[in-house]
Amino acid sequence: MDEKSIIVRVPSSFFKHMKKVSAKENTSIREITVSALLKELKALNQEYASPEDFKFRRFCNIQDKTKGDNNDE
């Protein structure tokens, strides 16, 4: 499968903060970003889901494929 990439522009101060956090947690900026995006996607899906959606979709099964399960919430 081809690897996809997303280019995001952020303020330099935020990028410096991300570098500090990644060094502190001993993880890559990519893993932190993917985890944050998946958490945001899960929150958005739950916010806009109708009761019928919950019958057919399982939002709790969204996983961070770079680290395994996203159970640290």
PDB file of N, CA and C in Angstrom:
ATOM      1  N   MET A   1       0.843  -1.179   0.000  1.00  0.00           N
ATOM      2  CA  MET A   1       0.000   0.000   0.000  1.00  0.00           C
ATOM      3  C   MET A   1       0.887   1.240   0.000  1.00  0.00           C
ATOM      4  N   ASP A   2       0.525   2.193  -0.819  1.00  0.00           N
ATOM      5  CA  ASP A   2       1.303   3.428  -0.890  1.00  0.00           C
ATOM      6  C   ASP A   2       1.127   4.236   0.385  1.00  0.00           C
ATOM      7  N   GLU A   3       2.224   4.805   0.835  1.00  0.00           N
ATOM      8  CA  GLU A   3       2.163   5.643   2.029  1.00  0.00           C
ATOM      9  C   GLU A   3       1.667   7.026   1.632  1.00  0.00           C
ATOM     10  N   LYS A   4       0.720   7.538   2.374  1.00  0.00           N
ATOM     11  CA  LYS A   4       0.151   8.859   2.121  1.00  0.00           C
ATOM     12  C   LYS A   4       0.811   9.859   3.053  1.00  0.00           C
ATOM     13  N   SER A   5       0.859  11.096   2.616  1.00  0.00           N
ATOM     14  CA  SER A   5       1.424  12.126   3.478  1.00  0.00           C
ATOM     15  C   SER A   5       0.514  13.346   3.456  1.00  0.00           C
ATOM     16  N   ILE A   6       0.504  14.040   4.571  1.00  0.00           N
ATOM     17  CA  ILE A   6      -0.257  15.273   4.701  1.00  0.00           C
ATOM     18  C   ILE A   6       0.728  16.364   5.083  1.00  0.00           C
ATOM     19  N   ILE A   7       0.649  17.451   4.378  1.00  0.00           N
ATOM     20  CA  ILE A   7       1.506  18.590   4.697  1.00  0.00           C
ATOM     21  C   ILE A   7       0.651  19.615   5.431  1.00  0.00           C
ATOM     22  N   VAL A   8       1.076  19.945   6.640  1.00  0.00           N
ATOM     23  CA  VAL A   8       0.333  20.886   7.472  1.00  0.00           C
ATOM     24  C   VAL A   8       1.272  22.009   7.870  1.00  0.00           C
ATOM     25  N   ARG A   9       0.806  23.217   7.725  1.00  0.00           N
ATOM     26  CA  ARG A   9       1.610  24.363   8.152  1.00  0.00           C
ATOM     27  C   ARG A   9       1.157  24.788   9.542  1.00  0.00           C
ATOM     28  N   VAL A  10       2.114  24.904  10.431  1.00  0.00           N
ATOM     29  CA  VAL A  10       1.824  25.320  11.807  1.00  0.00           C
ATOM     30  C   VAL A  10       2.800  26.425  12.192  1.00  0.00           C
ATOM     31  N   PRO A  11       2.441  27.241  13.164  1.00  0.00           N
ATOM     32  CA  PRO A  11       3.375  28.266  13.637  1.00  0.00           C
ATOM     33  C   PRO A  11       4.647  27.620  14.192  1.00  0.00           C
ATOM     34  N   SER A  12       5.758  28.303  14.046  1.00  0.00           N
ATOM     35  CA  SER A  12       7.037  27.750  14.501  1.00  0.00           C
ATOM     36  C   SER A  12       7.032  27.482  16.007  1.00  0.00           C
ATOM     37  N   SER A  13       6.326  28.310  16.774  1.00  0.00           N
ATOM     38  CA  SER A  13       6.265  28.086  18.226  1.00  0.00           C
ATOM     39  C   SER A  13       5.550  26.770  18.542  1.00  0.00           C
ATOM     40  N   PHE A  14       4.509  26.432  17.775  1.00  0.00           N
ATOM     41  CA  PHE A  14       3.802  25.170  17.989  1.00  0.00           C
ATOM     42  C   PHE A  14       4.687  23.991  17.599  1.00  0.00           C
ATOM     43  N   PHE A  15       5.445  24.142  16.519  1.00  0.00           N
ATOM     44  CA  PHE A  15       6.348  23.071  16.100  1.00  0.00           C
ATOM     45  C   PHE A  15       7.420  22.828  17.164  1.00  0.00           C
ATOM     46  N   LYS A  16       7.950  23.904  17.753  1.00  0.00           N
ATOM     47  CA  LYS A  16       8.934  23.758  18.831  1.00  0.00           C
ATOM     48  C   LYS A  16       8.318  23.029  20.024  1.00  0.00           C
ATOM     49  N   HIS A  17       7.076  23.367  20.337  1.00  0.00           N
ATOM     50  CA  HIS A  17       6.371  22.684  21.429  1.00  0.00           C
ATOM     51  C   HIS A  17       6.210  21.194  21.113  1.00  0.00           C
ATOM     52  N   MET A  18       5.848  20.865  19.882  1.00  0.00           N
ATOM     53  CA  MET A  18       5.693  19.463  19.477  1.00  0.00           C
ATOM     54  C   MET A  18       7.017  18.710  19.604  1.00  0.00           C
ATOM     55  N   LYS A  19       8.114  19.364  19.252  1.00  0.00           N
ATOM     56  CA  LYS A  19       9.423  18.720  19.379  1.00  0.00           C
ATOM     57  C   LYS A  19       9.747  18.435  20.842  1.00  0.00           C
ATOM     58  N   LYS A  20       9.430  19.379  21.731  1.00  0.00           N
ATOM     59  CA  LYS A  20       9.678  19.173  23.160  1.00  0.00           C
ATOM     60  C   LYS A  20       8.832  18.027  23.701  1.00  0.00           C
ATOM     61  N   VAL A  21       7.566  17.989  23.321  1.00  0.00           N
ATOM     62  CA  VAL A  21       6.666  16.926  23.790  1.00  0.00           C
ATOM     63  C   VAL A  21       7.128  15.575  23.271  1.00  0.00           C
ATOM     64  N   SER A  22       7.525  15.519  21.999  1.00  0.00           N
ATOM     65  CA  SER A  22       7.963  14.238  21.436  1.00  0.00           C
ATOM     66  C   SER A  22       9.244  13.755  22.108  1.00  0.00           C
ATOM     67  N   ALA A  23      10.132  14.671  22.451  1.00  0.00           N
ATOM     68  CA  ALA A  23      11.355  14.282  23.151  1.00  0.00           C
ATOM     69  C   ALA A  23      11.038  13.814  24.575  1.00  0.00           C
ATOM     70  N   LYS A  24      10.122  14.516  25.235  1.00  0.00           N
ATOM     71  CA  LYS A  24       9.743  14.156  26.602  1.00  0.00           C
ATOM     72  C   LYS A  24       9.067  12.783  26.650  1.00  0.00           C
ATOM     73  N   GLU A  25       8.194  12.504  25.684  1.00  0.00           N
ATOM     74  CA  GLU A  25       7.465  11.234  25.660  1.00  0.00           C
ATOM     75  C   GLU A  25       8.211  10.144  24.895  1.00  0.00           C
ATOM     76  N   ASN A  26       9.366  10.491  24.335  1.00  0.00           N
ATOM     77  CA  ASN A  26      10.186   9.548  23.576  1.00  0.00           C
ATOM     78  C   ASN A  26       9.386   8.891  22.443  1.00  0.00           C
ATOM     79  N   THR A  27       8.717   9.727  21.675  1.00  0.00           N
ATOM     80  CA  THR A  27       7.931   9.257  20.533  1.00  0.00           C
ATOM     81  C   THR A  27       8.095  10.252  19.392  1.00  0.00           C
ATOM     82  N   SER A  28       7.665   9.876  18.212  1.00  0.00           N
ATOM     83  CA  SER A  28       7.838  10.760  17.058  1.00  0.00           C
ATOM     84  C   SER A  28       6.696  11.772  16.977  1.00  0.00           C
ATOM     85  N   ILE A  29       6.973  12.876  16.311  1.00  0.00           N
ATOM     86  CA  ILE A  29       5.946  13.890  16.092  1.00  0.00           C
ATOM     87  C   ILE A  29       4.810  13.289  15.273  1.00  0.00           C
ATOM     88  N   ARG A  30       5.145  12.418  14.345  1.00  0.00           N
ATOM     89  CA  ARG A  30       4.124  11.770  13.506  1.00  0.00           C
ATOM     90  C   ARG A  30       3.153  10.955  14.361  1.00  0.00           C
ATOM     91  N   GLU A  31       3.667  10.182  15.303  1.00  0.00           N
ATOM     92  CA  GLU A  31       2.804   9.372  16.167  1.00  0.00           C
ATOM     93  C   GLU A  31       1.895  10.249  17.023  1.00  0.00           C
ATOM     94  N   ILE A  32       2.424  11.338  17.545  1.00  0.00           N
ATOM     95  CA  ILE A  32       1.620  12.262  18.350  1.00  0.00           C
ATOM     96  C   ILE A  32       0.515  12.867  17.494  1.00  0.00           C
ATOM     97  N   THR A  33       0.864  13.275  16.277  1.00  0.00           N
ATOM     98  CA  THR A  33      -0.103  13.891  15.376  1.00  0.00           C
ATOM     99  C   THR A  33      -1.192  12.912  14.973  1.00  0.00           C
ATOM    100  N   VAL A  34      -0.807  11.691  14.605  1.00  0.00           N
ATOM    101  CA  VAL A  34      -1.790  10.678  14.214  1.00  0.00           C
ATOM    102  C   VAL A  34      -2.729  10.379  15.374  1.00  0.00           C
ATOM    103  N   SER A  35      -2.186  10.238  16.558  1.00  0.00           N
ATOM    104  CA  SER A  35      -3.009   9.961  17.735  1.00  0.00           C
ATOM    105  C   SER A  35      -4.001  11.097  17.987  1.00  0.00           C
ATOM    106  N   ALA A  36      -3.532  12.338  17.897  1.00  0.00           N
ATOM    107  CA  ALA A  36      -4.406  13.491  18.119  1.00  0.00           C
ATOM    108  C   ALA A  36      -5.496  13.574  17.055  1.00  0.00           C
ATOM    109  N   LEU A  37      -5.140  13.312  15.793  1.00  0.00           N
ATOM    110  CA  LEU A  37      -6.133  13.355  14.722  1.00  0.00           C
ATOM    111  C   LEU A  37      -7.178  12.258  14.883  1.00  0.00           C
ATOM    112  N   LEU A  38      -6.761  11.075  15.293  1.00  0.00           N
ATOM    113  CA  LEU A  38      -7.719   9.990  15.505  1.00  0.00           C
ATOM    114  C   LEU A  38      -8.671  10.301  16.658  1.00  0.00           C
ATOM    115  N   LYS A  39      -8.146  10.897  17.726  1.00  0.00           N
ATOM    116  CA  LYS A  39      -9.008  11.280  18.846  1.00  0.00           C
ATOM    117  C   LYS A  39     -10.014  12.343  18.408  1.00  0.00           C
ATOM    118  N   GLU A  40      -9.565  13.293  17.598  1.00  0.00           N
ATOM    119  CA  GLU A  40     -10.458  14.340  17.104  1.00  0.00           C
ATOM    120  C   GLU A  40     -11.520  13.752  16.178  1.00  0.00           C
ATOM    121  N   LEU A  41     -11.126  12.834  15.311  1.00  0.00           N
ATOM    122  CA  LEU A  41     -12.079  12.179  14.418  1.00  0.00           C
ATOM    123  C   LEU A  41     -13.134  11.414  15.213  1.00  0.00           C
ATOM    124  N   LYS A  42     -12.698  10.717  16.227  1.00  0.00           N
ATOM    125  CA  LYS A  42     -13.627   9.964  17.076  1.00  0.00           C
ATOM    126  C   LYS A  42     -14.617  10.918  17.751  1.00  0.00           C
ATOM    127  N   ALA A  43     -14.128  12.031  18.261  1.00  0.00           N
ATOM    128  CA  ALA A  43     -14.995  13.009  18.920  1.00  0.00           C
ATOM    129  C   ALA A  43     -15.990  13.617  17.935  1.00  0.00           C
ATOM    130  N   LEU A  44     -15.530  13.959  16.735  1.00  0.00           N
ATOM    131  CA  LEU A  44     -16.427  14.521  15.723  1.00  0.00           C
ATOM    132  C   LEU A  44     -17.485  13.510  15.301  1.00  0.00           C
ATOM    133  N   ASN A  45     -17.082  12.270  15.100  1.00  0.00           N
ATOM    134  CA  ASN A  45     -18.041  11.238  14.705  1.00  0.00           C
ATOM    135  C   ASN A  45     -19.118  11.060  15.761  1.00  0.00           C
ATOM    136  N   GLN A  46     -18.729  11.087  17.026  1.00  0.00           N
ATOM    137  CA  GLN A  46     -19.707  10.912  18.096  1.00  0.00           C
ATOM    138  C   GLN A  46     -20.604  12.134  18.233  1.00  0.00           C
ATOM    139  N   GLU A  47     -20.039  13.321  17.994  1.00  0.00           N
ATOM    140  CA  GLU A  47     -20.815  14.551  18.134  1.00  0.00           C
ATOM    141  C   GLU A  47     -21.917  14.642  17.085  1.00  0.00           C
ATOM    142  N   TYR A  48     -21.622  14.230  15.854  1.00  0.00           N
ATOM    143  CA  TYR A  48     -22.575  14.381  14.763  1.00  0.00           C
ATOM    144  C   TYR A  48     -23.322  13.097  14.421  1.00  0.00           C
ATOM    145  N   ALA A  49     -23.145  12.057  15.186  1.00  0.00           N
ATOM    146  CA  ALA A  49     -23.800  10.785  14.893  1.00  0.00           C
ATOM    147  C   ALA A  49     -25.252  10.806  15.365  1.00  0.00           C
ATOM    148  N   SER A  50     -26.090  10.188  14.565  1.00  0.00           N
ATOM    149  CA  SER A  50     -27.488  10.021  14.963  1.00  0.00           C
ATOM    150  C   SER A  50     -27.618   8.709  15.732  1.00  0.00           C
ATOM    151  N   PRO A  51     -28.710   8.510  16.430  1.00  0.00           N
ATOM    152  CA  PRO A  51     -28.890   7.234  17.142  1.00  0.00           C
ATOM    153  C   PRO A  51     -28.793   6.022  16.216  1.00  0.00           C
ATOM    154  N   GLU A  52     -29.234   6.180  14.958  1.00  0.00           N
ATOM    155  CA  GLU A  52     -29.142   5.078  14.004  1.00  0.00           C
ATOM    156  C   GLU A  52     -27.683   4.758  13.678  1.00  0.00           C
ATOM    157  N   ASP A  53     -26.843   5.791  13.637  1.00  0.00           N
ATOM    158  CA  ASP A  53     -25.423   5.571  13.350  1.00  0.00           C
ATOM    159  C   ASP A  53     -24.783   4.684  14.404  1.00  0.00           C
ATOM    160  N   PHE A  54     -25.176   4.873  15.658  1.00  0.00           N
ATOM    161  CA  PHE A  54     -24.576   4.080  16.728  1.00  0.00           C
ATOM    162  C   PHE A  54     -24.954   2.608  16.635  1.00  0.00           C
ATOM    163  N   LYS A  55     -26.091   2.328  15.976  1.00  0.00           N
ATOM    164  CA  LYS A  55     -26.482   0.933  15.795  1.00  0.00           C
ATOM    165  C   LYS A  55     -25.562   0.225  14.805  1.00  0.00           C
ATOM    166  N   PHE A  56     -25.088   0.951  13.801  1.00  0.00           N
ATOM    167  CA  PHE A  56     -24.348   0.326  12.711  1.00  0.00           C
ATOM    168  C   PHE A  56     -22.852   0.580  12.743  1.00  0.00           C
ATOM    169  N   ARG A  57     -22.422   1.599  13.468  1.00  0.00           N
ATOM    170  CA  ARG A  57     -20.993   1.910  13.531  1.00  0.00           C
ATOM    171  C   ARG A  57     -20.518   1.816  14.964  1.00  0.00           C
ATOM    172  N   ARG A  58     -19.285   1.411  15.127  1.00  0.00           N
ATOM    173  CA  ARG A  58     -18.687   1.304  16.457  1.00  0.00           C
ATOM    174  C   ARG A  58     -17.528   2.290  16.533  1.00  0.00           C
ATOM    175  N   PHE A  59     -17.781   3.456  17.112  1.00  0.00           N
ATOM    176  CA  PHE A  59     -16.760   4.494  17.164  1.00  0.00           C
ATOM    177  C   PHE A  59     -15.607   4.124  18.082  1.00  0.00           C
ATOM    178  N   CYS A  60     -15.855   3.272  19.049  1.00  0.00           N
ATOM    179  CA  CYS A  60     -14.801   2.911  19.988  1.00  0.00           C
ATOM    180  C   CYS A  60     -13.738   2.039  19.325  1.00  0.00           C
ATOM    181  N   ASN A  61     -13.968   1.562  18.102  1.00  0.00           N
ATOM    182  CA  ASN A  61     -13.014   0.689  17.433  1.00  0.00           C
ATOM    183  C   ASN A  61     -11.998   1.446  16.587  1.00  0.00           C
ATOM    184  N   ILE A  62     -12.039   2.777  16.595  1.00  0.00           N
ATOM    185  CA  ILE A  62     -11.036   3.544  15.861  1.00  0.00           C
ATOM    186  C   ILE A  62      -9.706   3.342  16.569  1.00  0.00           C
ATOM    187  N   GLN A  63      -8.701   2.890  15.827  1.00  0.00           N
ATOM    188  CA  GLN A  63      -7.409   2.589  16.431  1.00  0.00           C
ATOM    189  C   GLN A  63      -6.309   3.412  15.782  1.00  0.00           C
ATOM    190  N   ASP A  64      -5.290   3.669  16.564  1.00  0.00           N
ATOM    191  CA  ASP A  64      -4.077   4.304  16.073  1.00  0.00           C
ATOM    192  C   ASP A  64      -3.210   3.187  15.525  1.00  0.00           C
ATOM    193  N   LYS A  65      -3.073   3.112  14.213  1.00  0.00           N
ATOM    194  CA  LYS A  65      -2.352   2.008  13.585  1.00  0.00           C
ATOM    195  C   LYS A  65      -0.842   2.088  13.817  1.00  0.00           C
ATOM    196  N   THR A  66      -0.332   3.234  14.300  1.00  0.00           N
ATOM    197  CA  THR A  66       1.105   3.341  14.541  1.00  0.00           C
ATOM    198  C   THR A  66       1.488   2.792  15.906  1.00  0.00           C
ATOM    199  N   LYS A  67       0.539   2.725  16.857  1.00  0.00           N
ATOM    200  CA  LYS A  67       0.879   2.305  18.213  1.00  0.00           C
ATOM    201  C   LYS A  67      -0.032   1.218  18.753  1.00  0.00           C
ATOM    202  N   GLY A  68      -1.049   0.810  18.021  1.00  0.00           N
ATOM    203  CA  GLY A  68      -1.996  -0.162  18.542  1.00  0.00           C
ATOM    204  C   GLY A  68      -3.238   0.533  19.042  1.00  0.00           C
ATOM    205  N   ASP A  69      -3.861   0.004  20.061  1.00  0.00           N
ATOM    206  CA  ASP A  69      -5.106   0.555  20.570  1.00  0.00           C
ATOM    207  C   ASP A  69      -4.917   1.946  21.147  1.00  0.00           C
ATOM    208  N   ASN A  70      -5.934   2.736  21.058  1.00  0.00           N
ATOM    209  CA  ASN A  70      -5.907   4.115  21.528  1.00  0.00           C
ATOM    210  C   ASN A  70      -6.708   4.213  22.822  1.00  0.00           C
ATOM    211  N   ASN A  71      -6.298   3.464  23.848  1.00  0.00           N
ATOM    212  CA  ASN A  71      -7.076   3.348  25.073  1.00  0.00           C
ATOM    213  C   ASN A  71      -6.641   4.298  26.180  1.00  0.00           C
ATOM    214  N   ASP A  72      -5.854   5.304  25.881  1.00  0.00           N
ATOM    215  CA  ASP A  72      -5.342   6.187  26.925  1.00  0.00           C
ATOM    216  C   ASP A  72      -6.266   7.359  27.203  1.00  0.00           C
ATOM    217  N   GLU A  73      -7.501   7.307  26.747  1.00  0.00           N
ATOM    218  CA  GLU A  73      -8.421   8.429  26.929  1.00  0.00           C
ATOM    219  C   GLU A  73      -9.017   8.424  28.304  1.00  0.00           C
TER     220      GLU A  73
END
